[in-house]
Amino acid sequence: MRILVVDDDTMVIASCRRILEADGFDVTAVQSADEAIEIVRKNDFDLMLFDVKMPKHDGPFLIRE
């Protein structure tokens, strides 16, 4: 399963990556909604986990996009 993690906090990204990869998931992580949009346009993911409050663009913006 391919999972995209979007969070502006590097500690959250590191924790998610460590836990999910230990369970065998393929994890891609980025720190902004803009990066996530670019990656989603080029790749398929089974699940996306994202922070609701981020600078510039928030989680609801990402859902709409």
N, C-alpha and C. Protein backbone atom coordinates (compact mmCIF):
# COMPACT_ATOMS: atom_id res chain seq x y z
N MET A 1 0.85 -1.17 0.00
CA MET A 1 0.00 0.00 0.00
C MET A 1 0.90 1.24 0.00
N ARG A 2 0.57 2.19 -0.86
CA ARG A 2 1.33 3.45 -0.96
C ARG A 2 0.60 4.54 -0.18
N ILE A 3 1.32 5.18 0.73
CA ILE A 3 0.74 6.20 1.59
C ILE A 3 1.51 7.51 1.42
N LEU A 4 0.76 8.60 1.29
CA LEU A 4 1.35 9.93 1.24
C LEU A 4 1.06 10.62 2.57
N VAL A 5 2.11 11.08 3.23
CA VAL A 5 1.97 11.82 4.49
C VAL A 5 2.33 13.27 4.22
N VAL A 6 1.43 14.18 4.61
CA VAL A 6 1.63 15.61 4.39
C VAL A 6 1.53 16.31 5.74
N ASP A 7 2.64 16.90 6.18
CA ASP A 7 2.66 17.61 7.45
C ASP A 7 3.82 18.59 7.45
N ASP A 8 3.62 19.76 8.02
CA ASP A 8 4.69 20.75 8.07
C ASP A 8 5.67 20.50 9.21
N ASP A 9 5.37 19.57 10.08
CA ASP A 9 6.22 19.24 11.23
C ASP A 9 7.10 18.02 10.90
N THR A 10 8.40 18.24 10.85
CA THR A 10 9.31 17.15 10.48
C THR A 10 9.29 15.99 11.48
N MET A 11 9.00 16.28 12.75
CA MET A 11 8.92 15.21 13.75
C MET A 11 7.72 14.31 13.48
N VAL A 12 6.60 14.88 13.07
CA VAL A 12 5.42 14.09 12.75
C VAL A 12 5.70 13.22 11.53
N ILE A 13 6.33 13.81 10.52
CA ILE A 13 6.67 13.04 9.32
C ILE A 13 7.59 11.87 9.68
N ALA A 14 8.61 12.13 10.47
CA ALA A 14 9.55 11.07 10.85
C ALA A 14 8.85 9.97 11.63
N SER A 15 7.96 10.33 12.53
CA SER A 15 7.23 9.34 13.32
C SER A 15 6.31 8.50 12.45
N CYS A 16 5.55 9.16 11.58
CA CYS A 16 4.66 8.43 10.67
C CYS A 16 5.45 7.48 9.79
N ARG A 17 6.53 7.99 9.22
CA ARG A 17 7.36 7.16 8.34
C ARG A 17 7.88 5.92 9.08
N ARG A 18 8.42 6.14 10.28
CA ARG A 18 8.99 5.03 11.05
C ARG A 18 7.94 3.96 11.35
N ILE A 19 6.78 4.38 11.80
CA ILE A 19 5.72 3.44 12.17
C ILE A 19 5.15 2.72 10.95
N LEU A 20 4.84 3.48 9.91
CA LEU A 20 4.22 2.88 8.73
C LEU A 20 5.17 1.98 7.95
N GLU A 21 6.42 2.41 7.80
CA GLU A 21 7.39 1.57 7.08
C GLU A 21 7.69 0.29 7.86
N ALA A 22 7.66 0.36 9.19
CA ALA A 22 7.88 -0.85 10.01
C ALA A 22 6.78 -1.88 9.76
N ASP A 23 5.61 -1.40 9.37
CA ASP A 23 4.49 -2.30 9.06
C ASP A 23 4.43 -2.66 7.58
N GLY A 24 5.45 -2.26 6.83
CA GLY A 24 5.56 -2.68 5.44
C GLY A 24 4.94 -1.76 4.41
N PHE A 25 4.51 -0.57 4.82
CA PHE A 25 3.91 0.36 3.87
C PHE A 25 4.98 1.15 3.13
N ASP A 26 4.66 1.53 1.89
CA ASP A 26 5.51 2.38 1.08
C ASP A 26 5.10 3.82 1.36
N VAL A 27 5.96 4.60 2.02
CA VAL A 27 5.60 5.94 2.48
C VAL A 27 6.35 7.01 1.71
N THR A 28 5.60 8.00 1.24
CA THR A 28 6.15 9.22 0.68
C THR A 28 5.70 10.34 1.59
N ALA A 29 6.60 11.24 1.95
CA ALA A 29 6.24 12.32 2.86
C ALA A 29 6.70 13.66 2.31
N VAL A 30 5.84 14.66 2.46
CA VAL A 30 6.15 16.03 2.04
C VAL A 30 5.68 16.99 3.12
N GLN A 31 6.19 18.24 3.06
CA GLN A 31 5.91 19.20 4.12
C GLN A 31 4.92 20.30 3.74
N SER A 32 4.30 20.22 2.58
CA SER A 32 3.32 21.25 2.23
C SER A 32 2.26 20.70 1.29
N ALA A 33 1.13 21.41 1.27
CA ALA A 33 0.04 21.04 0.36
C ALA A 33 0.48 21.19 -1.09
N ASP A 34 1.28 22.22 -1.36
CA ASP A 34 1.76 22.43 -2.73
C ASP A 34 2.60 21.25 -3.22
N GLU A 35 3.49 20.75 -2.36
CA GLU A 35 4.30 19.58 -2.71
C GLU A 35 3.41 18.36 -2.91
N ALA A 36 2.41 18.22 -2.06
CA ALA A 36 1.50 17.07 -2.16
C ALA A 36 0.76 17.08 -3.48
N ILE A 37 0.28 18.24 -3.90
CA ILE A 37 -0.45 18.34 -5.16
C ILE A 37 0.43 17.91 -6.33
N GLU A 38 1.67 18.37 -6.33
CA GLU A 38 2.60 18.00 -7.41
C GLU A 38 2.84 16.49 -7.43
N ILE A 39 3.03 15.88 -6.27
CA ILE A 39 3.31 14.45 -6.20
C ILE A 39 2.08 13.63 -6.59
N VAL A 40 0.90 14.06 -6.16
CA VAL A 40 -0.33 13.32 -6.48
C VAL A 40 -0.61 13.36 -7.98
N ARG A 41 -0.23 14.43 -8.63
CA ARG A 41 -0.42 14.52 -10.08
C ARG A 41 0.44 13.52 -10.84
N LYS A 42 1.54 13.09 -10.24
CA LYS A 42 2.48 12.20 -10.92
C LYS A 42 2.45 10.76 -10.41
N ASN A 43 1.78 10.53 -9.28
CA ASN A 43 1.81 9.21 -8.64
C ASN A 43 0.43 8.84 -8.11
N ASP A 44 0.22 7.55 -7.93
CA ASP A 44 -1.01 7.05 -7.32
C ASP A 44 -0.73 6.63 -5.89
N PHE A 45 -1.66 6.96 -5.00
CA PHE A 45 -1.54 6.58 -3.60
C PHE A 45 -2.84 5.90 -3.18
N ASP A 46 -2.71 4.97 -2.25
CA ASP A 46 -3.87 4.28 -1.71
C ASP A 46 -4.49 5.05 -0.55
N LEU A 47 -3.66 5.84 0.13
CA LEU A 47 -4.11 6.56 1.31
C LEU A 47 -3.29 7.84 1.44
N MET A 48 -3.94 8.91 1.89
CA MET A 48 -3.23 10.16 2.15
C MET A 48 -3.55 10.62 3.56
N LEU A 49 -2.52 10.84 4.35
CA LEU A 49 -2.67 11.36 5.71
C LEU A 49 -2.11 12.77 5.70
N PHE A 50 -2.90 13.74 6.18
CA PHE A 50 -2.39 15.10 6.15
C PHE A 50 -2.83 15.90 7.37
N ASP A 51 -2.03 16.90 7.66
CA ASP A 51 -2.28 17.83 8.74
C ASP A 51 -3.39 18.78 8.30
N VAL A 52 -4.31 19.07 9.18
CA VAL A 52 -5.41 19.97 8.84
C VAL A 52 -4.93 21.43 8.83
N LYS A 53 -4.05 21.79 9.73
CA LYS A 53 -3.55 23.17 9.81
C LYS A 53 -2.08 23.22 9.39
N MET A 54 -1.86 23.85 8.25
CA MET A 54 -0.50 24.04 7.74
C MET A 54 -0.38 25.46 7.22
N PRO A 55 0.84 25.99 7.17
CA PRO A 55 1.01 27.33 6.61
C PRO A 55 0.64 27.35 5.12
N LYS A 56 0.25 28.49 4.65
CA LYS A 56 -0.12 28.77 3.26
C LYS A 56 -1.40 28.05 2.86
N HIS A 57 -1.38 26.73 2.70
CA HIS A 57 -2.58 25.97 2.34
C HIS A 57 -2.81 24.90 3.40
N ASP A 58 -4.06 24.77 3.82
CA ASP A 58 -4.40 23.81 4.88
C ASP A 58 -4.96 22.51 4.32
N GLY A 59 -5.30 21.61 5.19
CA GLY A 59 -5.83 20.31 4.79
C GLY A 59 -7.10 20.39 3.96
N PRO A 60 -8.10 21.21 4.35
CA PRO A 60 -9.30 21.32 3.52
C PRO A 60 -9.01 21.81 2.09
N PHE A 61 -8.04 22.69 1.95
CA PHE A 61 -7.63 23.13 0.61
C PHE A 61 -7.14 21.93 -0.18
N LEU A 62 -6.34 21.09 0.47
CA LEU A 62 -5.78 19.92 -0.20
C LEU A 62 -6.88 18.95 -0.64
N ILE A 63 -7.90 18.79 0.18
CA ILE A 63 -9.03 17.92 -0.18
C ILE A 63 -9.73 18.46 -1.44
N ARG A 64 -9.97 19.76 -1.46
CA ARG A 64 -10.64 20.36 -2.61
C ARG A 64 -9.84 20.21 -3.90
N GLU A 65 -8.54 20.31 -3.77
CA GLU A 65 -7.69 20.20 -4.96
C GLU A 65 -7.69 18.77 -5.47
